[in-house]
Protein backbone atom coordinates (compact mmCIF):
# COMPACT_ATOMS: atom_id res chain seq x y z
CA MET A 1 111.63 98.03 125.25
CA ILE A 2 108.33 98.56 126.66
CA HIS A 3 109.31 100.35 129.20
CA LYS A 4 111.59 102.84 126.72
CA LEU A 5 108.78 103.43 124.40
CA SER A 6 106.78 103.99 126.46
CA GLN A 7 108.59 107.11 127.68
CA LYS A 8 109.49 108.26 124.84
CA ASN A 9 105.82 107.99 123.22
CA SER A 10 104.18 108.67 126.65
CA LEU A 11 102.17 112.44 125.27
CA THR A 12 100.66 109.88 122.58
CA LYS A 13 99.98 107.27 124.78
CA LYS A 14 98.37 109.97 126.84
CA HIS A 15 96.51 111.58 124.83
CA THR A 16 95.26 108.15 123.16
CA GLN A 17 94.03 107.00 126.86
CA ASN A 18 92.39 110.45 126.79
CA TYR A 19 89.95 110.19 124.16
CA ARG A 20 89.47 106.82 123.73
CA GLN A 21 86.18 106.58 125.44
CA TYR A 22 85.30 109.11 122.91
CA PHE A 23 87.08 108.29 120.00
CA ALA A 24 86.42 104.95 117.96
CA LEU A 25 89.51 104.09 116.08
CA ASN A 26 90.60 100.47 115.36
CA ARG A 27 94.04 101.43 114.71
CA ASN A 28 94.24 101.67 118.59
CA THR A 29 93.43 97.87 118.97
CA ALA A 30 95.13 96.83 116.05
CA GLY A 31 96.96 93.25 116.62
CA PHE A 32 96.24 93.54 120.24
CA ASN A 33 97.80 91.12 122.74
CA ILE A 34 97.45 91.32 126.32
CA GLN A 35 101.47 91.11 126.66
CA LYS A 36 102.20 93.88 124.59
CA LYS A 37 99.41 95.93 125.46
CA GLU A 38 101.57 98.82 126.55
CA LEU A 39 102.90 98.91 123.12
CA ILE A 40 98.74 99.49 121.32
CA TYR A 41 98.74 102.92 119.82
CA THR A 42 98.87 104.92 117.02
CA LEU A 43 101.60 107.39 117.05
CA VAL A 44 99.86 111.56 117.04
CA SER A 45 101.64 113.38 114.88
CA ASP A 46 101.03 117.62 114.25
CA LYS A 47 104.02 118.34 112.66
CA SER A 48 105.70 116.76 109.36
CA ASP A 49 108.02 118.20 106.74
CA GLY A 50 109.89 116.13 103.99
CA ALA A 51 110.60 112.89 104.93
CA PHE A 52 110.48 113.39 108.29
CA ILE A 53 107.44 113.78 111.22
CA TRP A 54 107.42 114.55 114.48
CA ASP A 55 105.27 112.65 117.37
CA ILE A 56 103.31 115.19 119.88
CA ASP A 57 106.66 114.27 122.68
CA ASP A 58 108.75 115.92 119.74
CA ASN A 59 110.47 112.65 118.34
CA LYS A 60 111.78 112.81 115.18
CA TYR A 61 111.10 109.64 112.69
CA ILE A 62 111.88 109.03 109.33
CA ASP A 63 108.56 108.55 108.13
CA LEU A 64 107.87 105.07 105.77
CA THR A 65 104.13 105.41 105.83
CA MET A 66 103.75 108.55 103.75
CA GLY A 67 100.34 108.79 103.93
CA PHE A 68 100.14 105.37 103.00
CA GLY A 69 101.63 106.01 100.00
CA SER A 70 99.70 109.17 99.34
CA LEU A 71 102.88 111.66 99.39
CA LEU A 72 105.18 110.96 96.57
CA PHE A 73 107.23 113.86 96.83
CA GLY A 74 107.13 114.33 100.62
CA HIS A 75 105.43 115.70 103.21
CA ASN A 76 104.60 119.52 103.12
CA TYR A 77 105.86 119.83 99.36
CA LEU A 78 105.72 123.28 98.61
CA PRO A 79 104.65 123.17 94.84
CA ILE A 80 101.86 121.38 96.19
CA ARG A 81 101.24 123.56 99.29
CA THR A 82 101.14 126.62 97.05
CA ALA A 83 98.91 125.41 94.70
CA ILE A 84 96.44 124.29 97.88
CA GLU A 85 96.81 127.94 98.95
CA ASN A 86 96.46 129.90 95.99
CA GLN A 87 93.17 127.87 95.64
CA LEU A 88 91.67 128.69 99.13
CA THR A 89 92.14 132.47 97.95
CA LYS A 90 89.39 131.58 95.06
CA SER A 91 87.50 128.92 96.36
CA TRP A 92 87.07 125.83 98.08
CA SER A 93 83.29 125.41 97.63
CA VAL A 94 81.53 122.90 96.40
CA GLY A 95 77.47 123.10 94.80
CA PRO A 96 78.43 124.49 91.61
CA MET A 97 81.12 122.28 89.67
CA SER A 98 84.75 123.83 89.41
CA PRO A 99 86.39 124.11 86.08
CA LEU A 100 89.28 122.41 87.14
CA ALA A 101 87.20 119.15 87.15
CA GLY A 102 87.20 118.92 83.36
CA ILE A 103 90.66 120.37 82.87
CA LEU A 104 91.67 117.22 84.91
CA ALA A 105 89.59 114.47 83.41
CA GLU A 106 90.87 115.33 80.22
CA LYS A 107 94.54 115.21 81.39
CA ILE A 108 93.87 111.75 83.78
CA THR A 109 92.29 110.03 80.08
CA VAL A 110 95.53 111.13 78.18
CA ALA A 111 98.10 110.11 81.05
CA THR A 112 96.10 106.33 81.59
CA ASN A 113 95.13 106.33 77.92
CA THR A 114 91.92 105.50 79.36
CA GLU A 115 88.88 107.16 77.14
CA ARG A 116 86.34 108.84 80.47
CA VAL A 117 86.92 109.60 83.78
CA ALA A 118 84.68 110.07 87.11
CA PHE A 119 85.92 111.66 90.49
CA PHE A 120 85.49 110.34 94.25
CA ASN A 121 86.41 110.57 97.64
CA SER A 122 88.16 107.54 98.43
CA GLY A 123 89.30 104.14 96.63
CA THR A 124 86.69 102.71 98.45
CA GLU A 125 84.10 104.60 96.39
CA ALA A 126 85.83 104.68 93.68
CA ILE A 127 85.99 100.27 93.52
CA MET A 128 82.03 100.50 94.67
CA VAL A 129 81.31 102.79 91.91
CA SER A 130 83.29 99.92 89.18
CA LEU A 131 81.48 97.23 90.38
CA ARG A 132 78.18 99.21 90.20
CA ILE A 133 78.89 99.78 86.43
CA ALA A 134 80.37 96.92 85.48
CA LYS A 135 76.74 94.98 86.58
CA ALA A 136 75.03 97.43 85.17
CA VAL A 137 76.61 97.35 81.74
CA THR A 138 77.11 93.42 81.52
CA LYS A 139 73.99 92.88 83.44
CA LYS A 140 75.56 90.38 84.97
CA LYS A 141 76.10 89.84 88.67
CA ASN A 142 78.79 87.84 90.11
CA VAL A 143 82.51 89.47 90.75
CA VAL A 144 85.36 87.33 90.71
CA PHE A 145 88.60 88.69 93.59
CA PHE A 146 91.63 87.28 94.48
CA LYS A 147 92.83 86.81 98.45
CA GLY A 148 95.53 88.63 99.37
CA ALA A 149 94.43 91.95 97.67
CA TYR A 150 92.85 94.92 99.79
CA HIS A 151 90.18 96.70 97.86
CA GLY A 152 89.30 98.83 100.60
CA THR A 153 85.94 98.61 102.87
CA PHE A 154 83.11 97.72 100.39
CA ASP A 155 81.07 94.85 102.20
CA PRO A 156 80.87 92.39 99.10
CA LEU A 157 84.90 92.43 98.69
CA LEU A 158 85.04 92.17 103.17
CA THR A 159 86.61 88.91 103.71
CA LEU A 160 89.51 86.66 103.48
CA LYS A 161 87.37 82.97 103.44
CA ARG A 162 85.67 81.42 101.27
CA ASP A 163 83.55 78.41 100.61
CA HIS A 164 86.03 75.88 99.06
CA GLN A 165 83.47 73.85 97.05
CA THR A 166 81.19 77.11 95.16
CA ASN A 167 84.51 79.39 96.14
CA ILE A 168 82.01 82.02 97.33
CA ALA A 169 83.19 84.47 99.28
CA LYS A 170 82.63 83.40 103.22
CA GLU A 171 81.06 85.67 106.00
CA SER A 172 84.49 86.10 108.46
CA ILE A 173 83.52 89.70 109.78
CA PRO A 174 80.96 91.17 112.14
CA GLY A 175 78.30 92.95 110.94
CA ILE A 176 79.39 91.67 106.39
CA THR A 177 76.92 89.16 106.41
CA GLN A 178 76.50 86.10 103.84
CA SER A 179 73.77 87.39 101.88
CA THR A 180 75.90 90.18 101.27
CA LEU A 181 78.85 88.38 99.73
CA ASN A 182 77.20 85.49 97.92
CA GLU A 183 77.70 87.52 94.43
CA SER A 184 81.08 87.35 95.44
CA TYR A 185 83.90 84.42 94.15
CA VAL A 186 87.21 84.41 95.79
CA PHE A 187 89.97 82.91 94.46
CA ASP A 188 94.07 82.63 95.38
CA TYR A 189 95.88 85.19 93.28
CA GLY A 190 97.33 83.55 90.20
CA SER A 191 95.78 79.92 90.64
CA GLU A 192 94.63 77.86 87.45
CA ALA A 193 91.42 77.40 89.50
CA SER A 194 90.20 80.76 88.82
CA LEU A 195 90.95 80.71 85.03
CA ASP A 196 89.22 77.62 84.82
CA PHE A 197 85.81 78.64 87.27
CA ILE A 198 85.96 82.22 84.96
CA LYS A 199 85.94 80.00 81.54
CA LYS A 200 83.03 77.70 82.76
CA ASN A 201 80.74 81.17 84.57
CA THR A 202 80.74 83.58 81.70
CA ASP A 203 77.49 84.37 81.59
CA ASN A 204 76.84 84.84 85.19
CA ILE A 205 80.42 86.77 85.75
CA ALA A 206 80.00 90.86 85.37
CA ALA A 207 83.54 91.94 86.73
CA VAL A 208 87.08 89.99 87.43
CA LEU A 209 88.39 92.86 90.08
CA VAL A 210 92.47 92.61 90.40
CA GLU A 211 95.09 94.28 92.45
CA PRO A 212 97.49 93.59 89.88
CA VAL A 213 100.46 93.78 92.23
CA GLN A 214 99.08 92.90 95.60
CA SER A 215 100.33 95.53 98.19
CA ARG A 216 100.67 93.09 100.21
CA ASN A 217 102.62 91.28 98.41
CA PRO A 218 104.48 92.80 95.76
CA SER A 219 107.14 90.58 95.07
CA PHE A 220 104.48 88.37 93.12
CA GLN A 221 104.14 89.97 89.83
CA PRO A 222 102.05 87.35 87.12
CA ILE A 223 101.86 88.86 84.40
CA ALA A 224 101.13 85.72 82.16
CA PHE A 225 98.58 85.43 84.69
CA LEU A 226 96.84 88.78 84.35
CA LYS A 227 96.93 88.94 79.98
CA GLU A 228 95.22 85.36 80.50
CA ILE A 229 92.31 87.06 82.16
CA ARG A 230 92.51 90.24 80.01
CA SER A 231 92.04 87.75 77.02
CA ILE A 232 88.90 85.63 78.26
CA THR A 233 87.34 88.76 79.91
CA GLU A 234 87.77 90.65 76.34
CA GLN A 235 86.13 87.30 74.45
CA ASN A 236 83.41 87.34 76.74
CA ASP A 237 81.66 90.80 77.93
CA ILE A 238 83.49 90.73 81.39
CA ALA A 239 84.97 93.68 82.88
CA LEU A 240 88.63 93.62 84.32
CA ILE A 241 88.76 96.25 86.45
CA PHE A 242 92.50 97.08 87.94
CA ASP A 243 92.61 98.68 91.12
CA GLU A 244 95.26 100.73 91.00
CA VAL A 245 94.67 103.30 93.81
CA ILE A 246 98.36 102.45 95.21
CA THR A 247 100.42 101.53 92.02
CA GLY A 248 98.94 104.17 89.89
CA PHE A 249 100.77 107.02 89.33
CA ARG A 250 103.42 105.58 90.92
CA ILE A 251 105.43 102.22 89.16
CA ASP A 252 104.85 104.75 85.90
CA ILE A 253 102.39 107.51 85.24
CA GLY A 254 100.57 104.76 83.00
CA GLY A 255 100.62 102.49 86.45
CA CYS A 256 100.34 98.40 85.61
CA GLN A 257 98.68 99.32 82.29
CA LYS A 258 101.73 100.40 81.00
CA LYS A 259 104.09 98.41 82.97
CA PHE A 260 102.45 95.25 81.79
CA ASN A 261 101.02 96.41 78.80
CA ILE A 262 97.44 95.16 79.66
CA GLN A 263 94.53 97.50 79.03
CA ALA A 264 91.88 97.18 81.71
CA ASP A 265 88.07 97.88 80.75
CA ILE A 266 88.10 100.10 84.15
CA VAL A 267 90.47 101.57 86.49
CA THR A 268 90.53 103.16 89.66
CA TYR A 269 93.19 105.21 91.16
CA GLY A 270 93.79 107.26 94.45
CA LYS A 271 96.74 108.42 96.73
CA ILE A 272 99.29 109.55 94.99
CA ILE A 273 97.17 111.90 92.67
CA GLY A 274 95.49 113.32 95.02
CA GLY A 275 98.87 114.89 96.42
CA GLY A 276 98.21 114.25 99.69
CA LEU A 277 94.21 115.07 99.38
CA PRO A 278 91.01 113.07 99.70
CA ILE A 279 90.36 111.15 96.04
CA GLY A 280 89.02 108.86 94.16
CA ILE A 281 88.81 108.02 90.65
CA VAL A 282 87.19 105.58 88.47
CA ALA A 283 89.12 105.76 84.13
CA GLY A 284 88.13 103.22 81.23
CA LYS A 285 86.49 102.68 78.59
CA SER A 286 83.33 104.70 77.57
CA LYS A 287 80.96 101.51 77.44
CA PHE A 288 81.58 101.45 81.11
CA LEU A 289 81.67 105.10 82.39
CA ASP A 290 78.58 105.70 80.11
CA ALA A 291 77.17 104.28 82.86
CA ILE A 292 77.20 107.08 85.04
CA ASP A 293 75.80 109.78 83.13
CA GLY A 294 74.61 108.11 79.86
CA GLY A 295 77.21 109.11 77.18
CA PHE A 296 78.44 111.66 75.06
CA TRP A 297 75.86 114.55 73.76
CA GLN A 298 76.06 118.18 73.03
CA TYR A 299 74.59 121.07 72.33
CA GLY A 300 72.47 122.20 69.20
CA ASP A 301 71.73 118.49 67.87
CA GLN A 302 69.87 115.97 67.97
CA SER A 303 71.83 113.92 70.40
CA ILE A 304 70.51 112.55 73.69
CA PRO A 305 72.70 110.77 76.04
CA GLU A 306 72.03 106.72 75.00
CA ALA A 307 73.30 104.44 77.13
CA LYS A 308 71.31 103.45 80.69
CA SER A 309 72.49 105.09 83.86
CA THR A 310 73.08 103.27 87.39
CA PHE A 311 73.04 106.18 90.09
CA VAL A 312 76.02 107.34 91.61
CA ALA A 313 76.76 110.95 93.96
CA GLY A 314 78.72 112.35 96.60
CA THR A 315 78.78 116.00 97.89
CA PHE A 316 83.20 116.34 97.77
CA CYS A 317 83.51 114.01 94.82
CA HIS A 318 84.70 117.65 93.30
CA HIS A 319 86.19 119.61 95.72
CA PRO A 320 88.45 122.00 94.54
CA LEU A 321 91.08 121.77 96.42
CA ALA A 322 91.68 117.91 95.94
CA MET A 323 90.93 118.47 91.94
CA VAL A 324 94.27 121.34 92.54
CA THR A 325 96.34 119.26 94.21
CA ALA A 326 95.72 116.28 91.40
CA LEU A 327 96.43 118.38 88.83
CA LYS A 328 99.73 119.90 90.49
CA THR A 329 100.77 116.23 90.87
CA LEU A 330 100.21 115.39 87.25
CA GLU A 331 102.21 118.27 86.16
CA ILE A 332 104.99 117.57 87.84
CA LEU A 333 105.13 113.71 86.80
CA GLU A 334 104.41 115.13 83.80
CA THR A 335 107.24 117.62 83.72
CA SER A 336 109.80 115.30 85.01
CA ASN A 337 109.07 112.60 81.66
CA GLY A 338 109.15 109.88 84.21
CA GLU A 339 112.64 110.61 85.44
CA LEU A 340 111.26 111.67 88.83
CA LEU A 341 109.43 108.11 89.43
CA GLU A 342 112.08 106.43 88.04
CA ASP A 343 114.33 107.45 90.09
CA ILE A 344 112.16 106.48 93.66
CA ASN A 345 111.40 103.48 92.24
CA ASN A 346 115.55 102.82 91.37
CA ARG A 347 116.43 104.40 94.45
CA THR A 348 113.86 101.62 96.62
CA GLU A 349 115.12 99.09 94.97
CA ASN A 350 118.56 99.86 95.51
CA PHE A 351 117.71 100.32 99.10
CA CYS A 352 115.92 96.85 99.54
CA ASN A 353 119.01 94.79 97.68
CA LYS A 354 121.52 96.55 99.71
CA MET A 355 119.48 95.43 103.58
CA ASN A 356 118.30 92.14 101.72
CA ALA A 357 122.48 91.44 101.34
CA PHE A 358 122.60 92.33 104.97
CA PHE A 359 119.82 90.40 105.86
CA LYS A 360 121.23 87.34 104.14
CA GLU A 361 124.59 87.48 105.67
CA ASN A 362 123.62 87.73 109.10
CA PHE A 363 119.48 87.36 109.88
CA PRO A 364 118.39 84.95 106.68
CA LYS A 365 114.57 85.07 107.97
CA LEU A 366 114.47 88.95 107.47
CA SER A 367 113.81 90.37 104.01
CA ILE A 368 112.62 92.63 102.51
CA VAL A 369 110.14 92.06 98.98
CA HIS A 370 109.17 95.50 96.79
CA PHE A 371 107.56 96.94 93.72
CA GLY A 372 108.52 100.61 92.61
CA SER A 373 108.83 102.60 95.36
CA LEU A 374 106.30 100.37 97.37
CA PHE A 375 107.89 97.96 99.97
CA ARG A 376 107.63 95.27 103.13
CA PHE A 377 109.36 93.98 105.66
CA VAL A 378 109.25 90.11 105.96
CA THR A 379 109.54 89.86 109.23
CA PRO A 380 108.30 85.92 110.59
CA GLY A 381 107.63 85.22 114.24
CA LYS A 382 109.79 86.71 116.44
CA TYR A 383 111.20 89.02 114.27
CA LYS A 384 108.53 91.53 114.05
CA GLU A 385 110.18 93.23 117.01
CA LEU A 386 111.65 94.72 114.37
CA TYR A 387 108.97 97.73 113.87
CA ASN A 388 109.06 98.34 117.97
CA GLN A 389 113.18 98.99 117.37
CA LEU A 390 112.89 101.19 114.59
CA LEU A 391 110.06 103.30 116.32
CA LEU A 392 112.34 103.56 118.97
CA ASN A 393 115.62 104.12 116.85
CA GLY A 394 113.18 107.16 114.98
CA VAL A 395 111.35 105.06 112.07
CA TYR A 396 107.86 105.40 111.73
CA ILE A 397 105.91 102.54 110.12
CA TRP A 398 102.35 101.75 110.47
CA GLU A 399 100.78 98.92 111.71
CA GLY A 400 99.61 97.23 108.33
CA ARG A 401 103.36 97.90 107.01
CA ASN A 402 102.96 99.13 103.90
CA CYS A 403 106.12 101.15 103.29
CA PHE A 404 107.23 103.77 100.84
CA LEU A 405 109.58 106.04 99.67
CA SER A 406 109.55 109.14 98.04
CA ALA A 407 111.31 112.18 96.37
CA ALA A 408 112.18 113.53 100.05
CA HIS A 409 114.27 110.04 100.94
CA THR A 410 117.44 111.51 99.44
CA THR A 411 120.38 109.45 99.34
CA GLU A 412 121.53 110.86 102.98
CA VAL A 413 117.89 109.71 104.17
CA VAL A 414 117.95 106.53 102.93
CA ALA A 415 121.74 105.82 104.10
CA LEU A 416 120.38 106.89 107.90
CA LEU A 417 118.04 104.76 106.98
CA GLU A 418 120.31 101.63 106.47
CA ASP A 419 121.98 102.59 109.58
CA LYS A 420 118.98 102.57 111.85
CA ILE A 421 117.60 99.35 110.25
CA LYS A 422 121.13 97.49 110.99
CA LEU A 423 120.89 99.33 114.45
CA SER A 424 118.13 98.18 115.16
CA CYS A 425 118.29 93.88 114.45
CA LYS A 426 122.03 94.63 116.13
CA GLN A 427 119.67 96.02 119.02
CA LEU A 428 116.95 92.78 119.11
CA VAL A 429 120.39 90.36 119.32
CA GLU A 430 121.54 92.25 122.18
CA ASN A 431 117.80 91.73 124.03
CA GLY A 432 118.12 87.92 123.08
CA ILE A 433 114.99 88.43 120.74
CA ILE A 434 116.83 87.18 117.93
CA LYS A 435 119.74 85.80 116.22
CA THR A 436 122.36 86.14 114.32
CA GLN A 437 123.29 83.62 111.35
CA VAL A 438 125.71 81.12 112.83
């Protein structure tokens, strides 16, 4: 396999090596293993369309990464591309405010049942701001979050460890110091211990941050647990923050809030709503969003911004191209009246069910878990070789392993995908890497 993939991706490997000295990219060392050294590289692609990408060796792949989940309609989707091209003829400058920003803000509040919206450049920025305003409004300093969640690269959330006596997040990544983590508490997601801790420490907790359905564990959907957190936080002046950067505008236009009938205080969005361009959104109750600008006031009377505000800023937060693609994305979703999302989610469920039936009969250690159109292969031990075999057979899954179907993954594309998965499993058996059910 190493030889075959090295031949297939020879230009990708050459490109990677040529620029390694200058281009610092952690993805090019992800999962480094000296024995698999020749297979550690990020695919280099300069062409994409629909559900497919082409690498610089001109190999064609079914793309299951889909812009890390940002491309709901597929690559090079004509309505999005046209919106970008039209906006380019008007303005793609920042400085004065784009008229699109206010229009988009109003539409987002209606779609997500929130009161106010602020725009940023990424999901990480949105999370950072959401915690800042939660602390500013509640005048408390501690944050509770959960193992297994991914909230971007904001330092106080960047650890996989905790002190088991205090539950304080523990230093585990070079450059993330303990002092940065001392206001963060980490618990197992769905645990009774976390509920008990929150109840006992309400005076010190500013926010509880959750990825309602964790992208690394999409089969775990603890609705009762989330409702209990909502009840506790609501009664004790604690901000409940939903990180819906991945699930927002995917499972439903209203995201997990709508799906689970739980209204958070603050919600963060990104990925899909940007239509493939960088965006981060903080939405929620005026009580919290007012900390960004002081709150509502109007001309011609004695009104003033009455809320005490914190500080936020960013050069490209309201970039006209991101604003126009978000507006077009929202228009497409609303015009379909939920049918587009329902169709993609159902297609994903059917695909996962079919593959799980195949796995159960032939490879019971393999499975797929999913939530909406997000899914992950469960590949213990040697079964992880499936990803390399799929790449060899023309299926691209990035090293973080979250997979997504899009509107461009038609019935025909999904059928082809199923065949490639079955073929890959067969070849792994032929190569003596895995075994079929005895």
